[in-house]
C-alpha cells in the first residue's frame, strides 16, 4: 500500500516554501512602496533582513531573504519529519 506522506523530500519542500515566502515578502514590499499599505510591517521586516524596505530594490532583497528563510524552514521541517517518523530511511 502506498502512503501519501511516506517521505518528504527536504530540497523540494525547501524550494516550495522558499518561493512562497519570498513572493509574499516581495509583494508586501511593493504594496508598501506603491500603495502605502503595510509600511510598518515592511519596516519591521527590514529590521530582520538587511536591505528590505518599501521600495523596488527592498522588494527584491525581500524576495531573496524570504527565499532563504523559507528554504531553510521547509528543508528542516521535511528533514525532521523524516527523522521522527523513520519513514525516510525505509524503502
Protein backbone atom coordinates (compact mmCIF):
# COMPACT_ATOMS: atom_id res chain seq x y z
CA UNK A 1 0.00 0.00 0.00
CA UNK A 2 1.31 3.46 -0.92
CA UNK A 3 1.08 6.13 1.74
CA UNK A 4 0.79 9.74 0.72
CA UNK A 5 3.35 11.05 3.20
CA UNK A 6 5.81 8.18 3.27
CA UNK A 7 8.70 10.59 2.91
CA UNK A 8 9.10 14.32 2.45
CA UNK A 9 11.90 15.47 0.19
CA UNK A 10 13.72 18.28 2.02
CA UNK A 11 15.01 20.04 -1.10
CA UNK A 12 11.61 20.06 -2.77
CA UNK A 13 9.77 21.31 0.30
CA UNK A 14 12.50 23.90 0.86
CA UNK A 15 12.15 25.23 -2.68
CA UNK A 16 8.36 25.35 -2.43
CA UNK A 17 8.26 27.16 0.90
CA UNK A 18 11.13 29.44 -0.15
CA UNK A 19 9.35 30.58 -3.29
CA UNK A 20 6.11 31.26 -1.41
CA UNK A 21 7.75 33.16 1.46
CA UNK A 22 9.94 35.12 -0.98
CA UNK A 23 6.94 36.06 -3.11
CA UNK A 24 4.94 37.18 -0.08
CA UNK A 25 7.79 39.36 1.17
CA UNK A 26 8.27 40.78 -2.35
CA UNK A 27 4.58 41.65 -2.70
CA UNK A 28 4.42 43.13 0.80
CA UNK A 29 7.32 45.45 -0.01
CA UNK A 30 5.74 46.51 -3.30
CA UNK A 31 2.44 47.12 -1.54
CA UNK A 32 4.18 49.34 0.99
CA UNK A 33 6.08 51.19 -1.73
CA UNK A 34 3.28 51.87 -4.20
CA UNK A 35 0.01 51.54 -2.25
CA UNK A 36 1.23 52.78 1.14
CA UNK A 37 -0.19 49.64 2.77
CA UNK A 38 1.75 47.59 5.31
CA UNK A 39 4.58 50.06 5.72
CA UNK A 40 5.03 49.25 9.41
CA UNK A 41 5.21 45.51 8.65
CA UNK A 42 7.81 46.03 5.93
CA UNK A 43 9.78 48.33 8.22
CA UNK A 44 9.76 45.59 10.85
CA UNK A 45 10.93 43.05 8.24
CA UNK A 46 13.73 45.46 7.43
CA UNK A 47 14.99 45.11 10.99
CA UNK A 48 15.22 41.34 10.48
CA UNK A 49 16.52 41.31 6.90
CA UNK A 50 19.17 43.73 5.71
CA UNK A 51 18.02 45.98 2.87
CA UNK A 52 14.30 45.19 2.97
CA UNK A 53 12.10 48.25 2.77
CA UNK A 54 9.22 49.92 0.96
CA UNK A 55 10.93 50.22 -2.43
CA UNK A 56 11.50 48.09 -5.51
CA UNK A 57 15.08 47.28 -4.51
CA UNK A 58 13.84 46.50 -1.00
CA UNK A 59 11.26 44.16 -2.53
CA UNK A 60 13.95 42.32 -4.49
CA UNK A 61 16.05 41.91 -1.38
CA UNK A 62 12.92 40.82 0.45
CA UNK A 63 12.41 38.06 -2.08
CA UNK A 64 15.98 36.87 -1.64
CA UNK A 65 15.83 36.90 2.17
CA UNK A 66 12.37 35.37 2.18
CA UNK A 67 13.50 32.62 -0.16
CA UNK A 68 16.49 31.82 2.04
CA UNK A 69 14.41 31.75 5.23
CA UNK A 70 11.63 29.75 3.59
CA UNK A 71 14.03 27.26 2.04
CA UNK A 72 15.70 26.59 5.37
CA UNK A 73 12.35 26.29 7.14
CA UNK A 74 10.95 23.83 4.57
CA UNK A 75 14.18 21.84 4.41
CA UNK A 76 14.37 21.34 8.16
CA UNK A 77 10.66 20.59 8.53
CA UNK A 78 10.99 17.78 5.97
CA UNK A 79 14.26 16.51 7.44
CA UNK A 80 12.86 16.36 10.97
CA UNK A 81 9.62 14.81 9.74
CA UNK A 82 11.59 12.04 8.05
CA UNK A 83 13.79 11.60 11.11
CA UNK A 84 10.94 11.41 13.60
CA UNK A 85 8.71 9.13 11.53
CA UNK A 86 11.64 6.89 10.50
CA UNK A 87 9.95 6.58 7.12
CA UNK A 88 12.68 8.46 5.35
CA UNK A 89 15.11 5.59 5.92
CA UNK A 90 12.95 2.76 4.64
CA UNK A 91 12.43 1.64 1.07
